[in-house]
């Protein structure tokens, strides 16, 4: 069950089997918004990607091959997924 705490920055959680990290400050969207100290900008929106992935049994490699808009905050999810797969998305052919 996902949960969100609407603070500034937002905090969102959902149970994961394996965790990974990616620094939000490395994103172009974070830099463009001028909020380089954010921990979880738009976390309440971003958590939905993880929930959908879990619901449809997607793994980190599945998330890594999905195109994400640039710049966007959700790029952090793809980058974290890439990190768990040692930056090697699976073959799609």
N, C-alpha and C. Protein backbone atom coordinates (compact mmCIF):
# COMPACT_ATOMS: atom_id res chain seq x y z
N UNK A 1 0.84 -1.17 0.00
CA UNK A 1 0.00 0.00 0.00
C UNK A 1 0.89 1.24 0.00
N UNK A 2 0.77 2.09 -1.01
CA UNK A 2 1.61 3.29 -1.06
C UNK A 2 1.12 4.34 -0.06
N UNK A 3 2.03 5.17 0.38
CA UNK A 3 1.66 6.29 1.25
C UNK A 3 2.48 7.51 0.88
N UNK A 4 1.88 8.68 1.09
CA UNK A 4 2.54 9.95 0.78
C UNK A 4 2.38 10.88 1.96
N UNK A 5 3.45 11.57 2.30
CA UNK A 5 3.42 12.63 3.30
C UNK A 5 3.62 13.93 2.54
N UNK A 6 2.61 14.79 2.56
CA UNK A 6 2.65 16.02 1.78
C UNK A 6 3.35 17.13 2.55
N UNK A 7 4.67 16.98 2.63
CA UNK A 7 5.52 18.00 3.22
C UNK A 7 6.32 18.63 2.09
N UNK A 8 7.22 19.50 2.42
CA UNK A 8 8.10 20.06 1.41
C UNK A 8 9.54 19.78 1.83
N UNK A 9 10.22 18.82 1.20
CA UNK A 9 9.82 18.02 0.05
C UNK A 9 8.86 16.89 0.45
N UNK A 10 8.16 16.37 -0.55
CA UNK A 10 7.24 15.26 -0.33
C UNK A 10 8.00 13.97 -0.05
N UNK A 11 7.36 13.08 0.68
CA UNK A 11 7.93 11.77 0.97
C UNK A 11 6.89 10.73 0.55
N UNK A 12 7.31 9.76 -0.25
CA UNK A 12 6.40 8.70 -0.70
C UNK A 12 7.08 7.36 -0.47
N UNK A 13 6.28 6.38 -0.05
CA UNK A 13 6.83 5.05 0.18
C UNK A 13 5.91 3.99 -0.39
N UNK A 14 6.52 2.88 -0.77
CA UNK A 14 5.81 1.68 -1.17
C UNK A 14 6.78 0.54 -0.88
N UNK A 15 6.28 -0.62 -0.51
CA UNK A 15 7.14 -1.74 -0.16
C UNK A 15 7.86 -2.22 -1.42
N UNK A 16 9.17 -2.32 -1.33
CA UNK A 16 9.99 -2.80 -2.45
C UNK A 16 10.76 -4.03 -2.02
N UNK A 17 11.12 -4.86 -2.99
CA UNK A 17 11.91 -6.04 -2.69
C UNK A 17 13.39 -5.74 -2.68
N UNK A 18 13.81 -4.83 -3.51
CA UNK A 18 15.21 -4.42 -3.57
C UNK A 18 15.21 -2.91 -3.72
N UNK A 19 16.04 -2.25 -2.97
CA UNK A 19 16.04 -0.79 -3.05
C UNK A 19 17.28 -0.30 -3.79
N UNK A 20 17.18 0.88 -4.33
CA UNK A 20 18.28 1.50 -5.05
C UNK A 20 18.14 3.01 -4.88
N UNK A 21 19.18 3.72 -5.22
CA UNK A 21 19.18 5.16 -5.03
C UNK A 21 19.72 5.88 -6.25
N UNK A 22 19.26 7.11 -6.42
CA UNK A 22 19.80 8.01 -7.42
C UNK A 22 19.64 9.42 -6.87
N UNK A 23 20.70 10.22 -6.90
CA UNK A 23 20.61 11.57 -6.32
C UNK A 23 19.74 12.50 -7.16
N UNK A 24 18.67 13.00 -6.56
CA UNK A 24 17.75 13.91 -7.26
C UNK A 24 18.48 15.13 -7.81
N UNK A 25 19.51 15.59 -7.11
CA UNK A 25 20.20 16.80 -7.56
C UNK A 25 20.94 16.59 -8.88
N UNK A 26 21.11 15.36 -9.32
CA UNK A 26 21.79 15.09 -10.59
C UNK A 26 20.86 15.23 -11.79
N UNK A 27 19.57 15.37 -11.56
CA UNK A 27 18.59 15.48 -12.65
C UNK A 27 18.56 16.87 -13.25
N UNK A 28 18.42 16.94 -14.56
CA UNK A 28 18.27 18.23 -15.23
C UNK A 28 17.03 18.97 -14.77
N UNK A 29 15.94 18.24 -14.52
CA UNK A 29 14.68 18.87 -14.07
C UNK A 29 14.85 19.53 -12.70
N UNK A 30 15.59 18.87 -11.81
CA UNK A 30 15.84 19.43 -10.50
C UNK A 30 16.67 20.70 -10.62
N UNK A 31 17.69 20.66 -11.47
CA UNK A 31 18.53 21.85 -11.68
C UNK A 31 17.74 22.98 -12.32
N UNK A 32 16.89 22.65 -13.29
CA UNK A 32 16.10 23.68 -13.98
C UNK A 32 15.11 24.35 -13.03
N UNK A 33 14.61 23.60 -12.06
CA UNK A 33 13.65 24.17 -11.12
C UNK A 33 14.33 24.98 -10.03
N UNK A 34 15.67 24.88 -9.94
CA UNK A 34 16.41 25.65 -8.95
C UNK A 34 16.34 25.07 -7.55
N UNK A 35 15.88 23.84 -7.43
CA UNK A 35 15.75 23.20 -6.12
C UNK A 35 16.77 22.08 -5.97
N UNK A 36 18.04 22.46 -5.86
CA UNK A 36 19.10 21.45 -5.83
C UNK A 36 19.19 20.69 -4.51
N UNK A 37 18.46 21.09 -3.50
CA UNK A 37 18.54 20.42 -2.21
C UNK A 37 17.35 19.49 -2.00
N UNK A 38 16.48 19.37 -2.98
CA UNK A 38 15.28 18.54 -2.81
C UNK A 38 15.61 17.08 -2.60
N UNK A 39 14.86 16.45 -1.74
CA UNK A 39 15.00 15.02 -1.48
C UNK A 39 14.02 14.24 -2.35
N UNK A 40 12.82 14.75 -2.52
CA UNK A 40 11.82 14.02 -3.26
C UNK A 40 10.79 14.92 -3.91
N UNK A 41 11.25 15.82 -4.77
CA UNK A 41 10.30 16.68 -5.48
C UNK A 41 9.33 15.83 -6.26
N UNK A 42 8.04 16.13 -6.13
CA UNK A 42 6.98 15.42 -6.85
C UNK A 42 6.92 13.93 -6.49
N UNK A 43 7.32 13.58 -5.29
CA UNK A 43 7.32 12.17 -4.87
C UNK A 43 5.94 11.55 -4.97
N UNK A 44 4.90 12.33 -4.68
CA UNK A 44 3.55 11.78 -4.74
C UNK A 44 3.16 11.40 -6.16
N UNK A 45 3.73 12.06 -7.16
CA UNK A 45 3.49 11.71 -8.56
C UNK A 45 4.40 10.55 -9.00
N UNK A 46 5.65 10.61 -8.57
CA UNK A 46 6.63 9.62 -9.01
C UNK A 46 6.35 8.22 -8.47
N UNK A 47 5.75 8.12 -7.31
CA UNK A 47 5.52 6.81 -6.69
C UNK A 47 4.64 5.92 -7.56
N UNK A 48 3.80 6.52 -8.39
CA UNK A 48 2.90 5.73 -9.24
C UNK A 48 3.66 4.83 -10.21
N UNK A 49 4.81 5.26 -10.68
CA UNK A 49 5.58 4.40 -11.58
C UNK A 49 6.01 3.12 -10.87
N UNK A 50 6.43 3.25 -9.62
CA UNK A 50 6.82 2.07 -8.86
C UNK A 50 5.62 1.17 -8.57
N UNK A 51 4.48 1.77 -8.28
CA UNK A 51 3.28 1.00 -7.99
C UNK A 51 2.83 0.22 -9.23
N UNK A 52 2.86 0.86 -10.38
CA UNK A 52 2.47 0.18 -11.62
C UNK A 52 3.44 -0.95 -11.93
N UNK A 53 4.73 -0.69 -11.76
CA UNK A 53 5.73 -1.72 -12.01
C UNK A 53 5.50 -2.93 -11.10
N UNK A 54 5.22 -2.67 -9.84
CA UNK A 54 4.97 -3.77 -8.92
C UNK A 54 3.70 -4.53 -9.28
N UNK A 55 2.66 -3.82 -9.64
CA UNK A 55 1.37 -4.45 -9.97
C UNK A 55 1.49 -5.37 -11.17
N UNK A 56 2.32 -5.01 -12.13
CA UNK A 56 2.47 -5.81 -13.35
C UNK A 56 3.77 -6.64 -13.35
N UNK A 57 4.34 -6.83 -12.18
CA UNK A 57 5.53 -7.68 -11.99
C UNK A 57 6.71 -7.25 -12.85
N UNK A 58 6.86 -5.95 -13.06
CA UNK A 58 8.02 -5.45 -13.80
C UNK A 58 9.23 -5.45 -12.88
N UNK A 59 10.39 -5.73 -13.45
CA UNK A 59 11.61 -5.68 -12.65
C UNK A 59 12.41 -4.43 -13.04
N UNK A 60 13.56 -4.27 -12.42
CA UNK A 60 14.38 -3.08 -12.66
C UNK A 60 14.78 -2.98 -14.13
N UNK A 61 15.04 -4.10 -14.77
CA UNK A 61 15.41 -4.07 -16.18
C UNK A 61 14.25 -3.57 -17.04
N UNK A 62 13.03 -3.95 -16.70
CA UNK A 62 11.86 -3.45 -17.43
C UNK A 62 11.76 -1.93 -17.32
N UNK A 63 11.94 -1.42 -16.12
CA UNK A 63 11.88 0.03 -15.91
C UNK A 63 13.01 0.73 -16.65
N UNK A 64 14.19 0.12 -16.67
CA UNK A 64 15.35 0.73 -17.31
C UNK A 64 15.19 0.90 -18.82
N UNK A 65 14.40 0.03 -19.47
CA UNK A 65 14.26 0.15 -20.92
C UNK A 65 13.14 1.09 -21.34
N UNK A 66 12.33 1.55 -20.39
CA UNK A 66 11.24 2.48 -20.70
C UNK A 66 11.81 3.87 -20.94
N UNK A 67 11.39 4.51 -22.01
CA UNK A 67 11.81 5.89 -22.27
C UNK A 67 11.15 6.82 -21.27
N UNK A 68 11.93 7.67 -20.66
CA UNK A 68 11.44 8.67 -19.73
C UNK A 68 11.68 10.05 -20.34
N UNK A 69 10.76 10.95 -20.13
CA UNK A 69 10.94 12.29 -20.68
C UNK A 69 12.13 12.98 -20.01
N UNK A 70 12.74 13.89 -20.77
CA UNK A 70 13.90 14.63 -20.26
C UNK A 70 13.70 16.10 -20.57
N UNK A 71 13.85 16.95 -19.62
CA UNK A 71 14.14 16.65 -18.22
C UNK A 71 12.86 16.35 -17.46
N UNK A 72 12.93 15.42 -16.52
CA UNK A 72 11.78 15.12 -15.66
C UNK A 72 12.29 14.55 -14.35
N UNK A 73 11.44 14.63 -13.33
CA UNK A 73 11.80 14.05 -12.04
C UNK A 73 11.79 12.53 -12.10
N UNK A 74 10.94 11.95 -12.94
CA UNK A 74 10.85 10.49 -13.00
C UNK A 74 12.06 9.84 -13.63
N UNK A 75 12.93 10.62 -14.23
CA UNK A 75 14.20 10.06 -14.72
C UNK A 75 14.98 9.41 -13.58
N UNK A 76 14.77 9.89 -12.36
CA UNK A 76 15.47 9.32 -11.20
C UNK A 76 15.10 7.85 -11.01
N UNK A 77 13.86 7.50 -11.31
CA UNK A 77 13.43 6.11 -11.16
C UNK A 77 14.16 5.23 -12.17
N UNK A 78 14.26 5.71 -13.41
CA UNK A 78 14.98 4.94 -14.43
C UNK A 78 16.46 4.82 -14.07
N UNK A 79 17.06 5.91 -13.62
CA UNK A 79 18.48 5.88 -13.26
C UNK A 79 18.73 4.93 -12.10
N UNK A 80 17.84 4.91 -11.12
CA UNK A 80 17.98 3.98 -10.01
C UNK A 80 17.81 2.54 -10.50
N UNK A 81 16.87 2.32 -11.41
CA UNK A 81 16.69 0.98 -11.98
C UNK A 81 17.94 0.55 -12.74
N UNK A 82 18.52 1.46 -13.50
CA UNK A 82 19.77 1.14 -14.20
C UNK A 82 20.87 0.77 -13.22
N UNK A 83 20.94 1.48 -12.10
CA UNK A 83 21.97 1.21 -11.10
C UNK A 83 21.84 -0.20 -10.53
N UNK A 84 20.62 -0.68 -10.36
CA UNK A 84 20.44 -2.03 -9.81
C UNK A 84 20.79 -3.11 -10.82
N UNK A 85 20.78 -2.76 -12.10
CA UNK A 85 21.12 -3.73 -13.14
C UNK A 85 22.54 -3.50 -13.63
N UNK A 86 23.33 -2.78 -12.86
CA UNK A 86 24.70 -2.44 -13.21
C UNK A 86 24.77 -1.73 -14.55
N UNK A 87 23.78 -0.83 -14.77
CA UNK A 87 23.71 0.01 -15.97
C UNK A 87 23.60 -0.78 -17.26
N UNK A 88 22.99 -1.98 -17.17
CA UNK A 88 22.80 -2.82 -18.35
C UNK A 88 21.33 -3.19 -18.50
N UNK A 89 20.55 -2.40 -19.25
CA UNK A 89 19.17 -2.81 -19.48
C UNK A 89 19.16 -4.09 -20.33
N UNK A 90 18.14 -4.92 -20.17
CA UNK A 90 18.09 -6.18 -20.88
C UNK A 90 17.87 -5.96 -22.38
N UNK A 91 18.24 -6.95 -23.16
CA UNK A 91 17.99 -6.91 -24.59
C UNK A 91 16.50 -6.94 -24.85
N UNK A 92 16.08 -6.18 -25.83
CA UNK A 92 14.66 -6.16 -26.18
C UNK A 92 14.38 -6.87 -27.49
N UNK A 93 15.39 -7.48 -28.09
CA UNK A 93 15.17 -8.19 -29.33
C UNK A 93 15.32 -9.68 -29.16
